[in-house]
Amino acid sequence: MRTVKIVSAVLTFAAAAAPSALSGAVSGTLPASAVVLSLSVGGGPARSVLLRCGRAESRPSFTTACGMLGRFGGDLARMTYDVDRICGRKHVAHAVSASGTWEGRPVRFEHTYDNRCEMTALTGPVFSF
């Protein structure tokens, strides 16, 4: 239940920041991108982070995740990172979700991968937090 409250608070914050993203679009610059990423392993509690792209980021993993999202225009459903990777058959579900905005466009994505290897092969560094 605590995770839901945190995610709700982050989404509320992201929604409040939306007018500034629109003002960037009017001035000719790309609007900021902010996406809430969540990961639940094996049905356990979800961990969530707020990924804000388009500004200096202190965490190298976030900079890499922003680059990956940029390659696919924020469309997580199109992401492919290392499709030739061979993953074992060990099944530990990795449920991921993303919601927010990418360059002013809404982002919504949910998927459950069979294991961490499969998740990483398709999403690269995006859910590595």
C-alpha atoms as a PDB file:
ATOM      1  CA  MET A   1       0.000   0.000   0.000  1.00  0.00           C
ATOM      2  CA  ARG A   2       2.905   2.369   0.736  1.00  0.00           C
ATOM      3  CA  THR A   3       4.225   2.032  -2.819  1.00  0.00           C
ATOM      4  CA  VAL A   4       0.845   3.050  -4.245  1.00  0.00           C
ATOM      5  CA  LYS A   5       0.880   6.236  -2.145  1.00  0.00           C
ATOM      6  CA  ILE A   6       4.420   7.090  -3.272  1.00  0.00           C
ATOM      7  CA  VAL A   7       3.580   6.517  -6.929  1.00  0.00           C
ATOM      8  CA  SER A   8       0.392   8.587  -6.546  1.00  0.00           C
ATOM      9  CA  ALA A   9       2.379  11.436  -5.012  1.00  0.00           C
ATOM     10  CA  VAL A  10       4.948  11.291  -7.814  1.00  0.00           C
ATOM     11  CA  LEU A  11       2.239  11.241 -10.482  1.00  0.00           C
ATOM     12  CA  THR A  12       0.551  14.227  -8.818  1.00  0.00           C
ATOM     13  CA  PHE A  13       3.885  16.064  -8.851  1.00  0.00           C
ATOM     14  CA  ALA A  14       4.463  15.175 -12.507  1.00  0.00           C
ATOM     15  CA  ALA A  15       0.979  16.409 -13.437  1.00  0.00           C
ATOM     16  CA  ALA A  16       1.615  19.686 -11.623  1.00  0.00           C
ATOM     17  CA  ALA A  17       4.808  20.133 -13.648  1.00  0.00           C
ATOM     18  CA  ALA A  18       2.975  19.702 -16.975  1.00  0.00           C
ATOM     19  CA  PRO A  19       2.366  23.450 -17.628  1.00  0.00           C
ATOM     20  CA  SER A  20       6.119  24.095 -17.637  1.00  0.00           C
ATOM     21  CA  ALA A  21       6.564  21.307 -20.181  1.00  0.00           C
ATOM     22  CA  LEU A  22       3.977  22.966 -22.419  1.00  0.00           C
ATOM     23  CA  SER A  23       5.653  26.358 -22.130  1.00  0.00           C
ATOM     24  CA  GLY A  24       8.859  24.737 -23.413  1.00  0.00           C
ATOM     25  CA  ALA A  25       7.003  23.500 -26.469  1.00  0.00           C
ATOM     26  CA  VAL A  26       5.690  26.986 -27.211  1.00  0.00           C
ATOM     27  CA  SER A  27       9.146  28.553 -26.977  1.00  0.00           C
ATOM     28  CA  GLY A  28      10.564  26.102 -29.532  1.00  0.00           C
ATOM     29  CA  THR A  29      12.462  23.797 -27.170  1.00  0.00           C
ATOM     30  CA  LEU A  30      11.505  20.208 -26.502  1.00  0.00           C
ATOM     31  CA  PRO A  31       9.348  19.832 -23.392  1.00  0.00           C
ATOM     32  CA  ALA A  32      10.840  17.970 -20.471  1.00  0.00           C
ATOM     33  CA  SER A  33      10.333  14.241 -20.203  1.00  0.00           C
ATOM     34  CA  ALA A  34       9.333  12.713 -16.881  1.00  0.00           C
ATOM     35  CA  VAL A  35       8.364   9.068 -16.526  1.00  0.00           C
ATOM     36  CA  VAL A  36       7.575   7.062 -13.388  1.00  0.00           C
ATOM     37  CA  LEU A  37       9.155   3.612 -13.745  1.00  0.00           C
ATOM     38  CA  SER A  38       8.052   0.705 -11.554  1.00  0.00           C
ATOM     39  CA  LEU A  39       9.431  -2.801 -11.160  1.00  0.00           C
ATOM     40  CA  SER A  40       8.017  -5.726  -9.199  1.00  0.00           C
ATOM     41  CA  VAL A  41       9.997  -8.966  -8.995  1.00  0.00           C
ATOM     42  CA  GLY A  42       8.246 -12.267  -8.341  1.00  0.00           C
ATOM     43  CA  GLY A  43       5.009 -10.610  -7.274  1.00  0.00           C
ATOM     44  CA  GLY A  44       6.758  -8.669  -4.519  1.00  0.00           C
ATOM     45  CA  PRO A  45       6.270  -5.010  -3.727  1.00  0.00           C
ATOM     46  CA  ALA A  46       6.980  -2.598  -6.551  1.00  0.00           C
ATOM     47  CA  ARG A  47       9.930  -0.229  -6.490  1.00  0.00           C
ATOM     48  CA  SER A  48       9.417   3.041  -8.322  1.00  0.00           C
ATOM     49  CA  VAL A  49      11.594   5.915  -9.478  1.00  0.00           C
ATOM     50  CA  LEU A  50      10.965   9.175 -11.287  1.00  0.00           C
ATOM     51  CA  LEU A  51      13.084   9.407 -14.434  1.00  0.00           C
ATOM     52  CA  ARG A  52      13.455  13.010 -15.598  1.00  0.00           C
ATOM     53  CA  CYS A  53      15.197  13.407 -18.941  1.00  0.00           C
ATOM     54  CA  GLY A  54      16.307  16.490 -20.792  1.00  0.00           C
ATOM     55  CA  ARG A  55      18.405  17.921 -17.977  1.00  0.00           C
ATOM     56  CA  ALA A  56      21.691  17.092 -16.276  1.00  0.00           C
ATOM     57  CA  GLU A  57      21.197  13.862 -14.338  1.00  0.00           C
ATOM     58  CA  SER A  58      23.347  12.836 -11.398  1.00  0.00           C
ATOM     59  CA  ARG A  59      22.806   9.097 -11.801  1.00  0.00           C
ATOM     60  CA  PRO A  60      24.644   7.595 -14.796  1.00  0.00           C
ATOM     61  CA  SER A  61      22.058   4.804 -15.040  1.00  0.00           C
ATOM     62  CA  PHE A  62      19.317   7.424 -15.512  1.00  0.00           C
ATOM     63  CA  THR A  63      21.297   9.150 -18.273  1.00  0.00           C
ATOM     64  CA  THR A  64      21.635   5.799 -20.043  1.00  0.00           C
ATOM     65  CA  ALA A  65      17.916   5.037 -19.548  1.00  0.00           C
ATOM     66  CA  CYS A  66      17.010   8.444 -21.009  1.00  0.00           C
ATOM     67  CA  GLY A  67      19.193   7.686 -24.026  1.00  0.00           C
ATOM     68  CA  MET A  68      17.459   4.342 -24.530  1.00  0.00           C
ATOM     69  CA  LEU A  69      14.015   5.922 -24.345  1.00  0.00           C
ATOM     70  CA  GLY A  70      15.158   8.615 -26.773  1.00  0.00           C
ATOM     71  CA  ARG A  71      16.173   5.990 -29.345  1.00  0.00           C
ATOM     72  CA  PHE A  72      12.554   4.841 -29.480  1.00  0.00           C
ATOM     73  CA  GLY A  73      10.840   8.211 -29.045  1.00  0.00           C
ATOM     74  CA  GLY A  74       9.582   7.240 -25.607  1.00  0.00           C
ATOM     75  CA  ASP A  75       7.637   4.255 -27.009  1.00  0.00           C
ATOM     76  CA  LEU A  76       8.610   1.469 -24.621  1.00  0.00           C
ATOM     77  CA  ALA A  77       6.586  -1.108 -26.566  1.00  0.00           C
ATOM     78  CA  ARG A  78       9.018  -0.728 -29.499  1.00  0.00           C
ATOM     79  CA  MET A  79      12.178  -1.134 -27.428  1.00  0.00           C
ATOM     80  CA  THR A  80      14.676  -3.808 -28.332  1.00  0.00           C
ATOM     81  CA  TYR A  81      18.089  -3.767 -26.733  1.00  0.00           C
ATOM     82  CA  ASP A  82      19.816  -7.123 -27.167  1.00  0.00           C
ATOM     83  CA  VAL A  83      17.366  -9.389 -28.985  1.00  0.00           C
ATOM     84  CA  ASP A  84      20.108 -11.954 -29.668  1.00  0.00           C
ATOM     85  CA  ARG A  85      20.681 -12.533 -25.949  1.00  0.00           C
ATOM     86  CA  ILE A  86      19.996 -16.113 -24.886  1.00  0.00           C
ATOM     87  CA  CYS A  87      18.091 -16.296 -21.621  1.00  0.00           C
ATOM     88  CA  GLY A  88      17.595 -19.319 -19.403  1.00  0.00           C
ATOM     89  CA  ARG A  89      14.227 -20.812 -18.609  1.00  0.00           C
ATOM     90  CA  LYS A  90      14.222 -19.742 -14.970  1.00  0.00           C
ATOM     91  CA  HIS A  91      10.875 -18.063 -14.340  1.00  0.00           C
ATOM     92  CA  VAL A  92      10.812 -15.156 -11.886  1.00  0.00           C
ATOM     93  CA  ALA A  93       8.276 -12.672 -13.185  1.00  0.00           C
ATOM     94  CA  HIS A  94       9.474  -9.093 -13.618  1.00  0.00           C
ATOM     95  CA  ALA A  95       6.436  -6.821 -13.942  1.00  0.00           C
ATOM     96  CA  VAL A  96       7.287  -3.332 -15.171  1.00  0.00           C
ATOM     97  CA  SER A  97       5.292  -0.207 -15.837  1.00  0.00           C
ATOM     98  CA  ALA A  98       5.970   3.314 -17.032  1.00  0.00           C
ATOM     99  CA  SER A  99       3.720   6.358 -17.075  1.00  0.00           C
ATOM    100  CA  GLY A 100       4.314  10.036 -17.632  1.00  0.00           C
ATOM    101  CA  THR A 101       5.335  12.157 -20.609  1.00  0.00           C
ATOM    102  CA  TRP A 102       8.031  11.958 -23.251  1.00  0.00           C
ATOM    103  CA  GLU A 103       8.689  15.235 -25.071  1.00  0.00           C
ATOM    104  CA  GLY A 104       5.144  16.347 -24.268  1.00  0.00           C
ATOM    105  CA  ARG A 105       3.444  13.106 -25.372  1.00  0.00           C
ATOM    106  CA  PRO A 106       1.802  10.755 -22.866  1.00  0.00           C
ATOM    107  CA  VAL A 107       3.605   7.502 -22.038  1.00  0.00           C
ATOM    108  CA  ARG A 108       1.852   4.415 -20.680  1.00  0.00           C
ATOM    109  CA  PHE A 109       3.425   0.951 -20.684  1.00  0.00           C
ATOM    110  CA  GLU A 110       2.924  -2.263 -18.703  1.00  0.00           C
ATOM    111  CA  HIS A 111       4.470  -5.652 -19.324  1.00  0.00           C
ATOM    112  CA  THR A 112       5.503  -8.772 -17.410  1.00  0.00           C
ATOM    113  CA  TYR A 113       8.685 -10.523 -18.506  1.00  0.00           C
ATOM    114  CA  ASP A 114       9.511 -14.138 -17.622  1.00  0.00           C
ATOM    115  CA  ASN A 115      12.797 -13.169 -15.917  1.00  0.00           C
ATOM    116  CA  ARG A 116      15.386 -10.411 -15.518  1.00  0.00           C
ATOM    117  CA  CYS A 117      17.359 -11.596 -18.557  1.00  0.00           C
ATOM    118  CA  GLU A 118      14.347 -11.258 -20.860  1.00  0.00           C
ATOM    119  CA  MET A 119      13.479  -7.847 -19.362  1.00  0.00           C
ATOM    120  CA  THR A 120      17.033  -6.567 -19.878  1.00  0.00           C
ATOM    121  CA  ALA A 121      17.258  -7.998 -23.404  1.00  0.00           C
ATOM    122  CA  LEU A 122      14.255  -5.920 -24.442  1.00  0.00           C
ATOM    123  CA  THR A 123      14.428  -2.810 -22.250  1.00  0.00           C
ATOM    124  CA  GLY A 124      18.168  -2.467 -21.700  1.00  0.00           C
ATOM    125  CA  PRO A 125      18.990  -0.113 -18.843  1.00  0.00           C
ATOM    126  CA  VAL A 126      15.535   1.428 -18.475  1.00  0.00           C
ATOM    127  CA  PHE A 127      14.402  -0.701 -15.509  1.00  0.00           C
ATOM    128  CA  SER A 128      17.865  -1.154 -13.967  1.00  0.00           C
ATOM    129  CA  PHE A 129      17.293   0.762 -10.755  1.00  0.00           C
END
